[in-house]
Amino acid sequence: MTDATTPIPARFRWLKRCAVAGLVGVALLLGLRAVWGYVWHARFQAALQEIRDRGEPIDLADFNPPPVDDADNGAVWLRRAMAVWPNVPGSSQSIIDTDWYMDPDQHADPVTDNAAYLAALGPALKLIDRAAAAPTSHWETGPFVSPMLTNYQTYDLGELGRLSQLMSDAAARAADDGEIEEAVGLAIRLHRLSFALYDAPVSLNDYLAAISIQSRAVGWIEDQLASLNTLAAKPQMLLLMDVLVEESSSRQMLRDAIIFRRMYTQNTIQGLADGQIRYQEIAFSYTPSLWDGPRRWLFRPLFYRDGCILLDHYTRAIDATGLSGSRGFFAFDAALRHLHDQPLLHPVATELPYSISWSERMRNQHVTRQRLARTALVLKLYELEHGRVAPTLAALVPDYLDAVPIDPMDPAGGPLRYLPEGGEVTLPGYHWLTDQQVAEVESRRLPLIYSVGRNGLDDGGMMWLNHDGTPDQSSRSYHRDDGDVTDQWFLLAPMPEPIRDPNPYGFGGYGGFGPGSLYGAP
């Protein structure tokens, strides 16, 4: 109903004022948006220029490797080595990856003539040595193609991961046959295999693949230390110690990987701002619509602001790779963690992965294992030459070591711990051991050296055991997050024999469902 007392022209004047005010407000908002966008775009470009002034690569073109002749390309020789590797039934060469990963016990190794198998490795090993002598190792021509990603379905770490598994198998066979010199030679090649990544653009995935390959070599020492029981193996032990003393390469590789991640981040920011990358490509829950263009224009300043935050994050992380320890990396990640609770204000920082603390933790953990392995070899050599175990690590100085090795995980910078008389053990809550067997296992003292581990606390070398009374090997590198025992240990004695489950799986044992099983009736 129209109010007869209010003139209609007055209403029009009021509506006109509202429309003009609205237009002025919209113009002001658009102007603020334009200024805001200009400011953050300028800041983003200034951040990129600051990185260029540091002499570090930041543009995609900086990571395109130059052409390399096949004769100078280690990747070519490694691929030829894989092509001529002997295909022996029962070796990991002929086992389907998924089957091997899911249930390796279903593939008992039928190869008994290890000598013939090792002899057949000659051509492949010559090619691997040729690859090590090559001046570079470019796997492909693009920065986003790596030895971890190429032929990914062949093995869980790609081509290099598959080759490292083959070499690890061969080293174990050589040790089983008492061919210690050949076994150690394979272990050294295995450790150096990760260096094939260094000349290519290195992503964080490549870096983790390299750490995993190096860890295979350290794992071989953990498994085969007991077989190095004669002074005749001293030259091989010295070779292994020389290889394990190198620790700077993994730190340099992490630095290169963070530089690559920084380039990837800025490339993504530029692509989002220019419309070459759609936001739904990084935010999987986002639904494309006709408003993508206006949204991109509206949120472009947020893209650039997030870019400045992430570039600064990675630059500070690159500088921190020259420091020891990983606590600084966790502080960096914690400073950005709150951004995930603000997806509207930080659309890119919410979606792009930025965490490098886990990668640094893996590096620090691997360096610790490597230092433990080298110290274990020195202790073994002392025992062989003196006929008794070393009473302390200080007894190794100066004839065997320049100084007592420092524990990389000790926040106080303390040394590695050594328990020649053995440490404490703890059994899981569920096991099939009798009371007498439990007492025997708990009284057993296994000599070891250890690090304080990820929590930085000395738990006295406490060792987790499996349900069969054997040390849980995974606990010496992959620590639990429940706050209990996190010491990282290296066993100096042969692994004890497991105590068999009297009621195996399917018949009421720990893994079964019958009476007396974990899931069955008591």
Protein backbone atom coordinates (compact mmCIF):
# COMPACT_ATOMS: atom_id res chain seq x y z
CA MET A 1 0.00 0.00 0.00
CA THR A 2 1.29 3.48 -0.92
CA ASP A 3 1.59 6.06 1.84
CA ALA A 4 -0.42 8.99 0.52
CA THR A 5 1.32 11.45 2.84
CA THR A 6 4.82 10.75 1.33
CA PRO A 7 5.42 12.36 -2.05
CA ILE A 8 6.62 9.89 -4.68
CA PRO A 9 9.42 12.21 -5.96
CA ALA A 10 10.97 12.18 -2.45
CA ARG A 11 11.23 8.38 -2.57
CA PHE A 12 12.98 8.54 -5.88
CA ARG A 13 15.42 11.05 -4.45
CA TRP A 14 16.16 8.66 -1.54
CA LEU A 15 16.65 5.69 -3.88
CA LYS A 16 18.92 7.81 -6.06
CA ARG A 17 21.05 8.71 -3.06
CA CYS A 18 21.29 5.02 -2.06
CA ALA A 19 22.28 4.02 -5.60
CA VAL A 20 24.95 6.71 -5.78
CA ALA A 21 26.30 5.73 -2.35
CA GLY A 22 26.35 2.09 -3.40
CA LEU A 23 28.22 2.90 -6.59
CA VAL A 24 30.72 5.01 -4.69
CA GLY A 25 31.18 2.19 -2.17
CA VAL A 26 31.71 -0.36 -4.93
CA ALA A 27 34.18 1.96 -6.64
CA LEU A 28 36.06 2.42 -3.38
CA LEU A 29 36.15 -1.34 -2.80
CA LEU A 30 37.38 -1.94 -6.34
CA GLY A 31 39.98 0.75 -5.86
CA LEU A 32 41.09 -0.79 -2.58
CA ARG A 33 41.22 -4.18 -4.28
CA ALA A 34 43.35 -2.73 -7.09
CA VAL A 35 45.74 -1.06 -4.64
CA TRP A 36 45.82 -4.19 -2.46
CA GLY A 37 46.58 -6.33 -5.49
CA TYR A 38 49.29 -3.96 -6.71
CA VAL A 39 50.98 -3.88 -3.28
CA TRP A 40 51.07 -7.65 -2.81
CA HIS A 41 52.09 -8.27 -6.42
CA ALA A 42 54.98 -5.82 -5.93
CA ARG A 43 55.95 -7.52 -2.67
CA PHE A 44 55.85 -10.93 -4.34
CA GLN A 45 58.07 -9.75 -7.18
CA ALA A 46 60.44 -8.15 -4.66
CA ALA A 47 60.64 -11.48 -2.79
CA LEU A 48 61.51 -13.26 -6.04
CA GLN A 49 64.16 -10.68 -6.85
CA GLU A 50 65.68 -11.04 -3.39
CA ILE A 51 66.05 -14.77 -4.02
CA ARG A 52 67.67 -14.11 -7.40
CA ASP A 53 70.04 -11.67 -5.70
CA ARG A 54 71.06 -14.51 -3.37
CA GLY A 55 72.21 -16.37 -6.47
CA GLU A 56 69.68 -19.19 -5.99
CA PRO A 57 67.40 -20.62 -8.69
CA ILE A 58 63.75 -19.70 -8.47
CA ASP A 59 62.30 -19.83 -12.00
CA LEU A 60 61.16 -23.01 -13.72
CA ALA A 61 63.72 -22.48 -16.48
CA ASP A 62 66.51 -22.56 -13.88
CA PHE A 63 65.81 -26.25 -13.30
CA ASN A 64 65.90 -27.46 -16.88
CA PRO A 65 69.10 -29.52 -17.04
CA PRO A 66 71.30 -28.97 -20.08
CA PRO A 67 71.68 -31.81 -22.60
CA VAL A 68 74.20 -34.46 -21.53
CA ASP A 69 75.94 -37.00 -23.70
CA ASP A 70 75.07 -40.60 -22.87
CA ALA A 71 78.70 -41.35 -22.10
CA ASP A 72 78.69 -38.69 -19.36
CA ASN A 73 75.24 -39.47 -17.97
CA GLY A 74 75.25 -41.83 -15.00
CA ALA A 75 71.49 -42.40 -15.31
CA VAL A 76 72.05 -44.02 -18.72
CA TRP A 77 74.58 -46.47 -17.29
CA LEU A 78 72.32 -47.31 -14.35
CA ARG A 79 69.45 -48.12 -16.68
CA ARG A 80 71.73 -50.35 -18.72
CA ALA A 81 72.77 -52.08 -15.49
CA MET A 82 69.13 -52.80 -14.66
CA ALA A 83 68.58 -54.15 -18.17
CA VAL A 84 71.38 -56.73 -17.85
CA TRP A 85 70.74 -57.70 -14.24
CA PRO A 86 70.40 -61.51 -14.14
CA ASN A 87 66.79 -62.62 -13.94
CA VAL A 88 66.95 -65.50 -11.46
CA PRO A 89 63.74 -67.20 -10.31
CA GLY A 90 63.12 -66.36 -6.68
CA SER A 91 65.05 -63.11 -6.66
CA SER A 92 63.20 -59.82 -6.32
CA GLN A 93 63.86 -59.33 -10.05
CA SER A 94 61.16 -61.89 -10.87
CA ILE A 95 58.67 -61.23 -8.07
CA ILE A 96 55.71 -58.97 -8.70
CA ASP A 97 56.12 -55.87 -6.60
CA THR A 98 52.69 -55.91 -4.99
CA ASP A 99 53.00 -59.59 -4.02
CA TRP A 100 56.45 -59.05 -2.55
CA TYR A 101 55.31 -56.02 -0.58
CA MET A 102 52.10 -57.53 0.73
CA ASP A 103 53.42 -60.95 1.70
CA PRO A 104 57.13 -61.65 1.12
CA ASP A 105 56.91 -64.90 3.11
CA GLN A 106 54.79 -66.40 0.34
CA HIS A 107 57.79 -66.24 -1.99
CA ALA A 108 60.42 -68.51 -0.51
CA ASP A 109 63.70 -68.08 -2.38
CA PRO A 110 64.46 -71.28 -4.34
CA VAL A 111 67.91 -70.11 -5.48
CA THR A 112 70.59 -72.16 -3.76
CA ASP A 113 73.53 -71.59 -6.08
CA ASN A 114 74.46 -68.15 -4.79
CA ALA A 115 77.93 -68.38 -6.32
CA ALA A 116 76.52 -68.71 -9.84
CA TYR A 117 74.11 -65.86 -9.24
CA LEU A 118 76.86 -63.57 -7.91
CA ALA A 119 79.12 -64.46 -10.82
CA ALA A 120 76.36 -63.47 -13.23
CA LEU A 121 76.28 -59.99 -11.72
CA GLY A 122 79.61 -59.02 -13.27
CA PRO A 123 78.31 -57.09 -16.31
CA ALA A 124 75.71 -55.20 -14.27
CA LEU A 125 78.20 -54.22 -11.56
CA LYS A 126 80.66 -52.93 -14.16
CA LEU A 127 77.91 -50.69 -15.53
CA ILE A 128 77.10 -49.44 -12.02
CA ASP A 129 80.77 -48.59 -11.47
CA ARG A 130 80.74 -46.81 -14.81
CA ALA A 131 77.72 -44.81 -13.66
CA ALA A 132 79.54 -43.77 -10.49
CA ALA A 133 82.40 -42.41 -12.61
CA ALA A 134 80.07 -40.34 -14.81
CA PRO A 135 80.24 -36.58 -14.20
CA THR A 136 76.45 -36.15 -14.01
CA SER A 137 73.21 -38.11 -13.65
CA HIS A 138 70.35 -36.51 -15.57
CA TRP A 139 67.41 -38.87 -15.77
CA GLU A 140 65.15 -36.87 -18.06
CA THR A 141 64.95 -33.42 -19.62
CA GLY A 142 62.25 -31.96 -17.38
CA PRO A 143 62.42 -30.88 -13.75
CA PHE A 144 59.25 -32.76 -12.81
CA VAL A 145 60.51 -36.13 -14.06
CA SER A 146 62.70 -37.93 -11.57
CA PRO A 147 64.18 -41.39 -11.01
CA MET A 148 61.67 -41.84 -8.24
CA LEU A 149 58.68 -41.16 -10.48
CA THR A 150 59.78 -42.83 -13.72
CA ASN A 151 58.59 -46.41 -13.99
CA TYR A 152 56.89 -45.87 -10.64
CA GLN A 153 54.76 -49.02 -10.71
CA THR A 154 57.85 -51.24 -11.02
CA TYR A 155 58.80 -50.63 -7.42
CA ASP A 156 57.72 -48.43 -4.55
CA LEU A 157 60.68 -46.06 -5.00
CA GLY A 158 60.87 -46.18 -8.77
CA GLU A 159 63.88 -47.28 -10.78
CA LEU A 160 66.54 -46.49 -8.21
CA GLY A 161 64.50 -48.15 -5.47
CA ARG A 162 64.18 -51.30 -7.54
CA LEU A 163 67.90 -51.38 -8.26
CA SER A 164 68.71 -50.82 -4.59
CA GLN A 165 66.55 -53.81 -3.65
CA LEU A 166 68.37 -56.00 -6.17
CA MET A 167 71.75 -54.91 -4.84
CA SER A 168 70.64 -55.45 -1.25
CA ASP A 169 69.54 -59.00 -2.13
CA ALA A 170 72.89 -59.68 -3.79
CA ALA A 171 74.84 -58.33 -0.79
CA ALA A 172 72.88 -60.59 1.55
CA ARG A 173 73.59 -63.62 -0.69
CA ALA A 174 77.29 -62.82 -0.74
CA ALA A 175 77.37 -62.58 3.06
CA ASP A 176 75.51 -65.89 3.37
CA ASP A 177 78.20 -67.53 1.23
CA GLY A 178 80.99 -66.00 3.30
CA GLU A 179 82.04 -63.71 0.45
CA ILE A 180 82.57 -60.77 2.76
CA GLU A 181 84.68 -58.76 0.33
CA GLU A 182 82.05 -59.00 -2.39
CA ALA A 183 79.24 -58.34 0.09
CA VAL A 184 80.89 -55.19 1.41
CA GLY A 185 81.60 -54.03 -2.14
CA LEU A 186 77.89 -54.36 -2.94
CA ALA A 187 76.95 -52.53 0.25
CA ILE A 188 79.27 -49.64 -0.65
CA ARG A 189 77.80 -49.44 -4.15
CA LEU A 190 74.35 -49.47 -2.58
CA HIS A 191 75.20 -46.56 -0.29
CA ARG A 192 76.62 -44.53 -3.18
CA LEU A 193 73.66 -45.28 -5.43
CA SER A 194 71.70 -42.40 -3.95
CA PHE A 195 74.31 -39.96 -5.25
CA ALA A 196 72.85 -40.57 -8.71
CA LEU A 197 70.10 -38.14 -7.71
CA TYR A 198 72.30 -35.19 -6.87
CA ASP A 199 72.83 -33.66 -10.29
CA ALA A 200 69.17 -33.76 -11.28
CA PRO A 201 66.53 -31.34 -9.94
CA VAL A 202 65.73 -32.85 -6.56
CA SER A 203 62.21 -32.89 -5.16
CA LEU A 204 61.43 -33.79 -1.57
CA ASN A 205 60.21 -37.17 -2.83
CA ASP A 206 63.56 -37.76 -4.54
CA TYR A 207 65.34 -36.75 -1.37
CA LEU A 208 63.34 -39.23 0.70
CA ALA A 209 64.04 -41.92 -1.92
CA ALA A 210 67.77 -41.25 -1.60
CA ILE A 211 67.59 -41.49 2.20
CA SER A 212 65.73 -44.78 1.86
CA ILE A 213 68.37 -46.18 -0.48
CA GLN A 214 71.18 -45.18 1.88
CA SER A 215 69.24 -46.74 4.75
CA ARG A 216 69.24 -50.07 2.91
CA ALA A 217 73.04 -50.07 3.09
CA VAL A 218 72.98 -49.26 6.80
CA GLY A 219 70.36 -51.97 7.29
CA TRP A 220 72.71 -54.46 5.64
CA ILE A 221 75.39 -53.59 8.22
CA GLU A 222 72.84 -54.05 11.00
CA ASP A 223 71.95 -57.49 9.66
CA GLN A 224 75.46 -58.65 8.76
CA LEU A 225 77.64 -57.17 11.51
CA ALA A 226 77.92 -60.57 13.20
CA SER A 227 79.34 -62.12 10.00
CA LEU A 228 82.32 -59.73 10.12
CA ASN A 229 84.06 -61.97 12.65
CA THR A 230 87.63 -62.30 11.37
CA LEU A 231 90.50 -59.87 10.96
CA ALA A 232 90.58 -60.87 7.30
CA ALA A 233 87.53 -58.63 6.91
CA LYS A 234 89.37 -55.59 8.28
CA PRO A 235 90.02 -53.96 4.84
CA GLN A 236 86.33 -54.23 4.00
CA MET A 237 85.32 -52.84 7.37
CA LEU A 238 87.63 -49.86 6.84
CA LEU A 239 86.07 -49.25 3.44
CA LEU A 240 82.61 -49.25 4.97
CA MET A 241 83.71 -46.84 7.68
CA ASP A 242 85.12 -44.46 5.07
CA VAL A 243 81.78 -44.45 3.25
CA LEU A 244 79.73 -43.96 6.40
CA VAL A 245 81.77 -40.98 7.60
CA GLU A 246 80.26 -38.83 4.82
CA GLU A 247 77.22 -36.99 6.25
CA SER A 248 77.17 -33.63 4.48
CA SER A 249 75.71 -34.96 1.22
CA SER A 250 72.30 -35.69 2.73
CA ARG A 251 72.13 -32.18 4.18
CA GLN A 252 73.07 -30.64 0.83
CA MET A 253 70.45 -32.76 -0.90
CA LEU A 254 67.78 -31.60 1.56
CA ARG A 255 68.78 -28.01 0.83
CA ASP A 256 68.45 -28.64 -2.92
CA ALA A 257 65.05 -30.26 -2.37
CA ILE A 258 63.76 -27.25 -0.43
CA ILE A 259 65.04 -24.93 -3.18
CA PHE A 260 63.10 -27.03 -5.69
CA ARG A 261 59.98 -26.90 -3.49
CA ARG A 262 60.30 -23.10 -3.29
CA MET A 263 60.43 -22.90 -7.09
CA TYR A 264 57.38 -25.19 -7.34
CA THR A 265 55.50 -22.93 -4.91
CA GLN A 266 56.24 -19.71 -6.76
CA ASN A 267 55.38 -21.39 -10.07
CA THR A 268 52.03 -22.44 -8.62
CA ILE A 269 51.35 -18.92 -7.30
CA GLN A 270 52.11 -17.40 -10.70
CA GLY A 271 49.95 -20.00 -12.44
CA LEU A 272 47.00 -19.32 -10.15
CA ALA A 273 47.31 -15.56 -10.57
CA ASP A 274 47.60 -15.81 -14.36
CA GLY A 275 44.80 -18.36 -14.73
CA GLN A 276 47.12 -21.07 -16.06
CA ILE A 277 46.33 -23.21 -13.00
CA ARG A 278 42.79 -23.59 -11.73
CA TYR A 279 42.31 -23.43 -7.99
CA GLN A 280 40.54 -26.80 -8.01
CA GLU A 281 43.83 -28.38 -9.13
CA ILE A 282 45.28 -27.71 -5.68
CA ALA A 283 42.02 -27.76 -3.70
CA PHE A 284 40.34 -31.04 -4.53
CA SER A 285 37.10 -30.11 -2.77
CA TYR A 286 36.61 -27.01 -4.90
CA THR A 287 33.89 -27.12 -7.58
CA PRO A 288 34.54 -25.13 -10.78
CA SER A 289 31.93 -22.60 -11.83
CA LEU A 290 31.36 -19.57 -14.02
CA TRP A 291 32.63 -17.39 -11.20
CA ASP A 292 36.19 -18.75 -11.48
CA GLY A 293 37.41 -15.66 -13.36
CA PRO A 294 35.98 -13.06 -10.96
CA ARG A 295 37.09 -15.14 -8.00
CA ARG A 296 40.60 -15.35 -9.35
CA TRP A 297 40.74 -11.58 -9.80
CA LEU A 298 39.29 -11.00 -6.35
CA PHE A 299 41.60 -13.45 -4.55
CA ARG A 300 44.75 -12.70 -6.52
CA PRO A 301 46.15 -10.49 -3.72
CA LEU A 302 45.64 -13.42 -1.32
CA PHE A 303 47.58 -15.66 -3.71
CA TYR A 304 50.49 -13.23 -3.74
CA ARG A 305 50.37 -12.71 0.02
CA ASP A 306 50.46 -16.48 0.62
CA GLY A 307 53.29 -16.66 -1.89
CA CYS A 308 55.33 -14.15 0.12
CA ILE A 309 54.70 -16.10 3.32
CA LEU A 310 55.69 -19.45 1.78
CA LEU A 311 58.75 -18.06 -0.03
CA ASP A 312 60.00 -16.61 3.23
CA HIS A 313 59.27 -19.93 4.97
CA TYR A 314 61.34 -21.91 2.48
CA THR A 315 64.17 -19.38 2.38
CA ARG A 316 64.56 -19.51 6.15
CA ALA A 317 64.41 -23.32 5.99
CA ILE A 318 67.18 -23.32 3.34
CA ASP A 319 69.34 -21.19 5.64
CA ALA A 320 68.59 -23.54 8.54
CA THR A 321 69.93 -26.58 6.67
CA GLY A 322 73.39 -25.39 7.62
CA LEU A 323 72.53 -25.86 11.28
CA SER A 324 72.48 -29.10 13.23
CA GLY A 325 69.32 -30.67 14.56
CA SER A 326 65.74 -30.49 13.32
CA ARG A 327 64.02 -28.45 16.02
CA GLY A 328 64.20 -25.25 13.99
CA PHE A 329 62.27 -26.90 11.18
CA PHE A 330 59.45 -27.84 13.51
CA ALA A 331 59.30 -24.24 14.70
CA PHE A 332 58.94 -23.09 11.08
CA ASP A 333 56.08 -25.48 10.46
CA ALA A 334 54.37 -24.58 13.73
CA ALA A 335 54.44 -20.91 12.72
CA LEU A 336 52.42 -21.74 9.58
CA ARG A 337 50.11 -24.33 11.09
CA HIS A 338 47.52 -21.75 12.11
CA LEU A 339 47.03 -20.84 8.44
CA HIS A 340 45.16 -24.11 7.89
CA ASP A 341 42.38 -22.76 10.10
CA GLN A 342 41.92 -19.74 7.82
CA PRO A 343 41.20 -21.13 4.32
CA LEU A 344 39.40 -17.96 3.16
CA LEU A 345 42.27 -15.66 4.13
CA HIS A 346 45.01 -18.07 3.05
CA PRO A 347 43.61 -20.12 0.15
CA VAL A 348 47.03 -21.25 -1.16
CA ALA A 349 48.91 -21.73 2.10
CA THR A 350 46.01 -23.90 3.25
CA GLU A 351 46.31 -26.25 0.29
CA LEU A 352 49.99 -26.30 -0.70
CA PRO A 353 52.18 -28.63 1.35
CA TYR A 354 54.90 -26.70 3.12
CA SER A 355 56.11 -29.06 5.84
CA ILE A 356 59.77 -29.96 5.58
CA SER A 357 60.26 -30.83 9.25
CA TRP A 358 59.39 -34.45 8.57
CA SER A 359 62.00 -34.61 5.81
CA GLU A 360 64.62 -33.09 8.10
CA ARG A 361 63.65 -35.55 10.82
CA MET A 362 64.20 -38.41 8.38
CA ARG A 363 67.62 -36.99 7.50
CA ASN A 364 68.61 -36.58 11.13
CA GLN A 365 67.37 -40.09 11.87
CA HIS A 366 69.37 -41.52 8.97
CA VAL A 367 72.54 -39.67 9.99
CA THR A 368 72.09 -41.13 13.47
CA ARG A 369 71.75 -44.65 12.07
CA GLN A 370 74.77 -44.07 9.87
CA ARG A 371 76.84 -42.84 12.82
CA LEU A 372 75.68 -45.78 14.94
CA ALA A 373 76.64 -48.20 12.15
CA ARG A 374 80.10 -46.70 11.77
CA THR A 375 80.67 -46.83 15.53
CA ALA A 376 79.48 -50.44 15.59
CA LEU A 377 82.06 -51.34 12.94
CA VAL A 378 84.77 -49.63 15.00
CA LEU A 379 83.68 -51.58 18.09
CA LYS A 380 83.75 -54.80 16.09
CA LEU A 381 87.25 -54.05 14.83
CA TYR A 382 88.41 -53.31 18.40
CA GLU A 383 86.97 -56.64 19.57
CA LEU A 384 88.73 -58.56 16.77
CA GLU A 385 92.10 -56.94 17.45
CA HIS A 386 91.98 -57.07 21.27
CA GLY A 387 90.03 -60.27 21.86
CA ARG A 388 87.54 -58.48 24.10
CA VAL A 389 84.82 -55.89 23.80
CA ALA A 390 85.67 -52.24 24.33
CA PRO A 391 84.77 -51.17 27.87
CA THR A 392 83.73 -47.67 26.79
CA LEU A 393 83.58 -45.58 23.64
CA ALA A 394 86.41 -43.48 25.07
CA ALA A 395 88.63 -46.57 24.74
CA LEU A 396 88.36 -46.18 20.94
CA VAL A 397 90.09 -42.79 21.05
CA PRO A 398 92.60 -42.04 19.54
CA ASP A 399 93.58 -45.35 17.91
CA TYR A 400 90.23 -45.93 16.21
CA LEU A 401 88.35 -42.64 16.46
CA ASP A 402 89.44 -39.03 16.74
CA ALA A 403 86.72 -38.40 19.32
CA VAL A 404 83.69 -40.10 20.84
CA PRO A 405 80.85 -39.76 18.28
CA ILE A 406 78.24 -37.12 19.06
CA ASP A 407 74.58 -38.13 19.17
CA PRO A 408 72.82 -36.07 16.44
CA MET A 409 69.52 -36.33 18.31
CA ASP A 410 70.80 -35.21 21.69
CA PRO A 411 69.68 -31.57 22.21
CA ALA A 412 72.56 -31.15 24.66
CA GLY A 413 75.11 -32.35 22.10
CA GLY A 414 76.05 -35.41 24.16
CA PRO A 415 77.77 -38.54 22.82
CA LEU A 416 76.26 -41.78 21.61
CA ARG A 417 75.53 -44.19 24.47
CA TYR A 418 77.20 -47.61 24.74
CA LEU A 419 76.06 -50.55 26.88
CA PRO A 420 78.48 -53.49 26.47
CA GLU A 421 76.63 -55.35 29.22
CA GLY A 422 73.29 -54.83 27.47
CA GLY A 423 70.20 -52.72 28.02
CA GLU A 424 66.68 -53.23 29.31
CA VAL A 425 63.91 -54.82 27.22
CA THR A 426 60.15 -54.52 27.24
CA LEU A 427 57.60 -57.00 25.89
CA PRO A 428 54.30 -56.05 24.24
CA GLY A 429 51.10 -56.53 26.18
CA TYR A 430 50.14 -59.61 24.12
CA HIS A 431 52.61 -62.43 23.59
CA TRP A 432 52.66 -66.23 23.65
CA LEU A 433 55.69 -66.71 25.89
CA THR A 434 55.44 -68.71 29.08
CA ASP A 435 56.39 -67.14 32.40
CA GLN A 436 59.72 -68.98 32.26
CA GLN A 437 60.39 -67.75 28.73
CA VAL A 438 59.45 -64.20 29.72
CA ALA A 439 61.93 -64.32 32.60
CA GLU A 440 64.61 -65.67 30.25
CA VAL A 441 63.99 -62.97 27.66
CA GLU A 442 63.91 -60.17 30.23
CA SER A 443 67.14 -61.37 31.81
CA ARG A 444 68.89 -61.49 28.45
CA ARG A 445 71.27 -58.60 27.98
CA LEU A 446 72.12 -57.68 24.40
CA PRO A 447 75.09 -55.29 23.96
CA LEU A 448 74.16 -52.20 21.99
CA ILE A 449 74.91 -48.60 21.22
CA TYR A 450 72.08 -46.13 21.05
CA SER A 451 70.92 -42.58 20.53
CA VAL A 452 68.47 -40.74 22.75
CA GLY A 453 66.13 -40.78 19.75
CA ARG A 454 63.49 -38.40 18.55
CA ASN A 455 62.26 -37.24 21.95
CA GLY A 456 65.79 -36.24 23.00
CA LEU A 457 65.48 -38.17 26.27
CA ASP A 458 67.77 -40.95 27.43
CA ASP A 459 65.57 -43.97 28.18
CA GLY A 460 68.53 -46.18 29.07
CA GLY A 461 68.66 -48.05 25.77
CA MET A 462 65.25 -49.62 26.37
CA MET A 463 64.47 -52.02 23.55
CA TRP A 464 61.02 -53.05 22.32
CA LEU A 465 60.57 -56.76 21.67
CA ASN A 466 58.27 -58.63 19.32
CA HIS A 467 55.72 -61.18 20.48
CA ASP A 468 58.33 -63.91 19.90
CA GLY A 469 60.93 -62.32 22.18
CA THR A 470 63.17 -60.95 19.42
CA PRO A 471 64.10 -57.25 19.18
CA ASP A 472 61.60 -55.25 17.14
CA GLN A 473 63.89 -54.16 14.32
CA SER A 474 61.53 -51.45 13.16
CA SER A 475 61.91 -49.73 16.54
CA ARG A 476 65.53 -48.87 15.79
CA SER A 477 64.56 -46.43 13.09
CA TYR A 478 60.80 -45.82 13.16
CA HIS A 479 59.94 -44.65 16.64
CA ARG A 480 56.66 -44.78 18.41
CA ASP A 481 54.63 -41.64 19.07
CA ASP A 482 53.04 -42.81 22.31
CA GLY A 483 55.68 -41.15 24.49
CA ASP A 484 57.11 -44.42 25.83
CA VAL A 485 60.49 -45.65 24.57
CA THR A 486 62.10 -43.74 21.71
CA ASP A 487 65.81 -44.60 21.99
CA GLN A 488 67.32 -45.45 18.61
CA TRP A 489 69.50 -48.52 19.10
CA PHE A 490 71.97 -50.63 17.16
CA LEU A 491 72.38 -54.22 18.29
CA LEU A 492 76.01 -55.40 18.57
CA ALA A 493 75.20 -59.08 19.11
CA PRO A 494 73.68 -61.61 16.69
CA MET A 495 69.89 -61.44 16.57
CA PRO A 496 68.46 -64.10 18.94
CA GLU A 497 66.34 -66.90 17.56
CA PRO A 498 62.58 -66.29 17.81
CA ILE A 499 60.46 -68.36 20.17
CA ARG A 500 57.79 -70.02 18.06
CA ASP A 501 54.11 -69.57 18.74
CA PRO A 502 52.83 -72.97 19.97
CA ASN A 503 49.44 -72.14 18.46
CA PRO A 504 50.16 -70.55 15.08
CA TYR A 505 47.82 -68.44 13.05
CA GLY A 506 44.49 -70.12 12.40
CA PHE A 507 44.78 -72.44 15.40
CA GLY A 508 44.22 -70.11 18.33
CA GLY A 509 47.56 -68.31 18.20
CA TYR A 510 48.17 -64.61 18.52
CA GLY A 511 46.98 -63.99 14.99
CA GLY A 512 44.10 -66.49 15.10
CA PHE A 513 40.56 -66.41 16.41
CA GLY A 514 40.34 -69.59 18.50
CA PRO A 515 40.67 -70.16 22.26
CA GLY A 516 43.72 -68.45 23.68
CA SER A 517 44.05 -66.05 20.74
CA LEU A 518 44.08 -62.29 20.93
CA TYR A 519 40.59 -62.10 19.45
CA GLY A 520 39.16 -65.38 20.74
CA ALA A 521 37.83 -66.69 24.00
CA PRO A 522 40.26 -66.96 26.94
